[in-house]
Amino acid sequence: MNAEYDRVVEFSHVSEPVIACERLDLHHISASDLVTLYEDPENLSIYNKGDFTNPYRVLIEGHSPLRWRVPQVKADPEVNKWFVRWMVLRETSEIIGSLSFHGAPDETGMLEIGLGVHENFWRQGFGYEALLGMWLWAASQAGVLKFRYTVDPNNEASVGLVRKFGFAHVGQQIDDEDGPENIYEMSVEDFLKQNA
């Protein structure tokens, strides 16, 4: 084993409390489980801490943020607090998606988030519910002042979702992989006024 991996194992017990939403439970993935999921995705031990299953192979197949989050966690396991959570449908105990901040709050107190919901569960309000839960949790954390959400301008469902929360369009950026993205932001203060 290398020193970076030993450091992650040292933090393997650290997991944030579950965020309970209306129909979903957002289960935080520990640093060691995150590394295992990325390096050995068929290893079922990653599900031992929760009473849920992954029949849709969320984070195993398709687009996944793990290739960015795992190197960040190996460099600094403490940052994992902000990272990946399973979206577990309480009624069936199935993982139906995931969401994660891109890192710890930056020097301005800004947090950016990304999420993915399995296509079988699109347009049922799960993205809204998960984002609300995650942002309310983050709003209670020290140093968080602003939320950011970036989205392909042609993704009408995601644009509608972020507008539903009242986020303001503040600009555009070019993502190396995804191309043009609209940038939406909202202060934590305004978010809490509208969504608490």
Protein backbone atom coordinates (compact mmCIF):
# COMPACT_ATOMS: atom_id res chain seq x y z
CA MET A 1 0.00 0.00 0.00
CA ASN A 2 1.11 3.53 -0.59
CA ALA A 3 1.15 6.37 1.91
CA GLU A 4 -1.83 8.14 0.28
CA TYR A 5 -4.05 5.07 0.62
CA ASP A 6 -2.93 4.48 4.23
CA ARG A 7 -4.03 8.03 4.99
CA VAL A 8 -7.50 7.39 3.54
CA VAL A 9 -7.89 4.17 5.55
CA GLU A 10 -7.11 6.20 8.66
CA PHE A 11 -10.34 8.16 8.00
CA SER A 12 -12.44 5.16 6.93
CA HIS A 13 -14.72 5.43 9.98
CA VAL A 14 -15.62 9.05 9.25
CA SER A 15 -19.07 9.32 7.70
CA GLU A 16 -21.51 12.18 7.92
CA PRO A 17 -24.99 11.53 9.35
CA VAL A 18 -27.74 10.49 6.96
CA ILE A 19 -29.79 13.39 5.58
CA ALA A 20 -33.46 12.39 5.73
CA CYS A 21 -35.64 13.89 3.01
CA GLU A 22 -39.31 13.30 2.25
CA ARG A 23 -38.82 10.05 0.28
CA LEU A 24 -35.04 9.76 0.18
CA ASP A 25 -32.22 9.15 2.61
CA LEU A 26 -28.89 10.67 1.56
CA HIS A 27 -26.16 8.29 2.76
CA HIS A 28 -22.63 9.70 2.89
CA ILE A 29 -19.91 7.42 1.46
CA SER A 30 -16.85 7.17 3.73
CA ALA A 31 -13.40 7.91 2.30
CA SER A 32 -12.31 4.28 2.25
CA ASP A 33 -15.59 3.14 0.66
CA LEU A 34 -15.27 5.86 -1.96
CA VAL A 35 -11.82 4.58 -2.92
CA THR A 36 -13.06 0.98 -2.94
CA LEU A 37 -16.05 1.90 -5.11
CA TYR A 38 -13.71 3.51 -7.64
CA GLU A 39 -10.95 0.91 -7.62
CA ASP A 40 -13.02 -2.25 -7.04
CA PRO A 41 -16.65 -1.41 -7.95
CA GLU A 42 -17.89 -5.00 -7.63
CA ASN A 43 -16.75 -5.21 -3.99
CA LEU A 44 -20.01 -5.52 -2.06
CA SER A 45 -18.42 -4.42 1.23
CA ILE A 46 -19.19 -0.81 0.28
CA TYR A 47 -22.86 -1.48 1.04
CA ASN A 48 -22.28 -3.09 4.46
CA LYS A 49 -22.84 0.12 6.43
CA GLY A 50 -26.27 0.75 4.95
CA ASP A 51 -29.34 -1.38 4.54
CA PHE A 52 -29.71 -0.70 0.81
CA THR A 53 -28.89 -2.13 -2.61
CA ASN A 54 -27.58 -0.74 -5.90
CA PRO A 55 -29.62 -2.48 -8.62
CA TYR A 56 -29.16 0.43 -11.07
CA ARG A 57 -25.35 0.38 -10.61
CA VAL A 58 -25.22 4.05 -9.68
CA LEU A 59 -21.61 5.35 -9.78
CA ILE A 60 -20.49 2.04 -11.31
CA GLU A 61 -21.82 2.47 -14.84
CA GLY A 62 -22.18 5.68 -16.80
CA HIS A 63 -20.94 9.15 -15.92
CA SER A 64 -19.43 9.32 -12.44
CA PRO A 65 -17.69 12.03 -10.40
CA LEU A 66 -15.44 9.46 -8.70
CA ARG A 67 -12.50 10.03 -11.03
CA TRP A 68 -12.28 13.58 -9.64
CA ARG A 69 -13.37 12.98 -6.05
CA VAL A 70 -11.10 10.01 -5.27
CA PRO A 71 -7.83 11.88 -6.06
CA GLN A 72 -9.11 14.78 -3.94
CA VAL A 73 -9.83 12.42 -1.03
CA LYS A 74 -6.45 10.70 -1.36
CA ALA A 75 -4.78 14.11 -1.19
CA ASP A 76 -6.88 15.26 1.78
CA PRO A 77 -9.34 12.80 3.38
CA GLU A 78 -10.89 15.61 5.43
CA VAL A 79 -12.51 17.03 2.26
CA ASN A 80 -14.64 13.88 1.94
CA LYS A 81 -17.16 15.48 4.29
CA TRP A 82 -18.44 17.42 1.25
CA PHE A 83 -18.45 14.53 -1.17
CA VAL A 84 -20.60 11.76 -2.49
CA ARG A 85 -23.90 10.67 -1.02
CA TRP A 86 -26.12 7.87 -2.28
CA MET A 87 -29.72 8.84 -2.97
CA VAL A 88 -31.59 5.92 -1.36
CA LEU A 89 -35.31 5.56 -2.02
CA ARG A 90 -36.63 4.81 1.46
CA GLU A 91 -39.63 2.77 0.25
CA THR A 92 -37.48 0.18 -1.58
CA SER A 93 -34.02 0.71 -0.01
CA GLU A 94 -32.62 1.09 -3.55
CA ILE A 95 -29.94 3.57 -4.60
CA ILE A 96 -31.47 5.68 -7.38
CA GLY A 97 -28.80 8.36 -7.77
CA SER A 98 -26.01 10.30 -6.12
CA LEU A 99 -24.93 13.85 -5.47
CA SER A 100 -21.75 15.56 -4.34
CA PHE A 101 -20.26 18.96 -3.81
CA HIS A 102 -17.19 19.59 -5.95
CA GLY A 103 -15.04 20.39 -2.93
CA ALA A 104 -14.99 22.23 0.36
CA PRO A 105 -16.24 25.84 0.36
CA ASP A 106 -13.81 28.07 -1.55
CA GLU A 107 -12.29 31.30 -0.22
CA THR A 108 -15.60 33.12 -0.86
CA GLY A 109 -17.66 30.46 0.94
CA MET A 110 -19.05 29.07 -2.32
CA LEU A 111 -20.05 25.42 -2.79
CA GLU A 112 -20.82 23.89 -6.18
CA ILE A 113 -22.88 20.71 -6.44
CA GLY A 114 -23.56 18.06 -9.03
CA LEU A 115 -26.13 15.28 -9.05
CA GLY A 116 -27.27 12.35 -11.11
CA VAL A 117 -30.59 10.51 -10.92
CA HIS A 118 -31.04 7.17 -12.68
CA GLU A 119 -33.24 7.59 -15.76
CA ASN A 120 -35.96 5.31 -14.33
CA PHE A 121 -36.58 8.03 -11.72
CA TRP A 122 -36.42 11.18 -13.84
CA ARG A 123 -39.16 13.82 -13.58
CA GLN A 124 -40.49 12.53 -10.27
CA GLY A 125 -39.08 15.29 -8.03
CA PHE A 126 -36.17 13.28 -6.65
CA GLY A 127 -33.52 15.73 -7.89
CA TYR A 128 -35.34 18.61 -6.22
CA GLU A 129 -35.76 16.67 -2.99
CA ALA A 130 -32.10 15.59 -2.85
CA LEU A 131 -30.76 19.06 -3.63
CA LEU A 132 -33.01 20.62 -0.98
CA GLY A 133 -31.76 18.16 1.63
CA MET A 134 -28.11 18.58 0.69
CA TRP A 135 -28.25 22.37 0.53
CA LEU A 136 -30.09 22.63 3.87
CA TRP A 137 -27.38 20.44 5.43
CA ALA A 138 -24.61 22.55 3.88
CA ALA A 139 -26.27 25.78 5.03
CA SER A 140 -25.74 24.62 8.62
CA GLN A 141 -21.99 24.13 8.10
CA ALA A 142 -19.47 26.83 9.04
CA GLY A 143 -18.08 28.98 6.25
CA VAL A 144 -20.75 28.23 3.63
CA LEU A 145 -22.10 31.48 2.16
CA LYS A 146 -23.16 30.76 -1.42
CA PHE A 147 -24.38 27.86 -3.57
CA ARG A 148 -23.53 27.32 -7.24
CA TYR A 149 -25.10 25.01 -9.81
CA THR A 150 -23.80 24.70 -13.38
CA VAL A 151 -25.82 23.12 -16.15
CA ASP A 152 -25.88 22.57 -19.90
CA PRO A 153 -28.22 25.32 -21.17
CA ASN A 154 -30.01 22.71 -23.31
CA ASN A 155 -30.83 20.53 -20.31
CA GLU A 156 -34.32 21.90 -19.76
CA ALA A 157 -35.08 19.66 -16.77
CA SER A 158 -31.99 20.80 -14.83
CA VAL A 159 -32.46 24.44 -15.79
CA GLY A 160 -36.06 24.24 -14.58
CA LEU A 161 -34.92 22.56 -11.38
CA VAL A 162 -32.40 25.22 -10.40
CA ARG A 163 -34.83 28.00 -11.33
CA LYS A 164 -37.47 26.36 -9.14
CA PHE A 165 -35.14 27.03 -6.19
CA GLY A 166 -34.83 30.68 -7.22
CA PHE A 167 -31.18 30.63 -8.29
CA ALA A 168 -30.03 33.53 -10.49
CA HIS A 169 -28.23 33.01 -13.80
CA VAL A 170 -24.87 34.78 -13.32
CA GLY A 171 -22.85 33.75 -16.36
CA GLN A 172 -21.52 30.97 -18.53
CA GLN A 173 -18.38 28.84 -18.59
CA ILE A 174 -16.86 26.27 -20.92
CA ASP A 175 -16.35 22.90 -19.26
CA ASP A 176 -13.48 20.83 -20.71
CA GLU A 177 -15.74 17.80 -21.11
CA ASP A 178 -19.31 19.07 -21.16
CA GLY A 179 -18.88 22.25 -23.21
CA PRO A 180 -20.93 25.40 -22.45
CA GLU A 181 -22.56 25.53 -19.04
CA ASN A 182 -24.78 28.18 -17.51
CA ILE A 183 -23.79 29.24 -13.99
CA TYR A 184 -26.51 29.76 -11.39
CA GLU A 185 -25.86 31.05 -7.87
CA MET A 186 -27.72 31.93 -4.71
CA SER A 187 -26.57 33.15 -1.30
CA VAL A 188 -27.21 30.81 1.60
CA GLU A 189 -29.15 33.61 3.28
CA ASP A 190 -31.54 33.91 0.32
CA PHE A 191 -31.77 30.15 -0.05
CA LEU A 192 -32.87 29.78 3.56
CA LYS A 193 -35.42 32.58 3.23
CA GLN A 194 -37.01 30.81 0.27
CA ASN A 195 -36.54 27.16 1.16
CA ALA A 196 -36.21 26.67 4.92
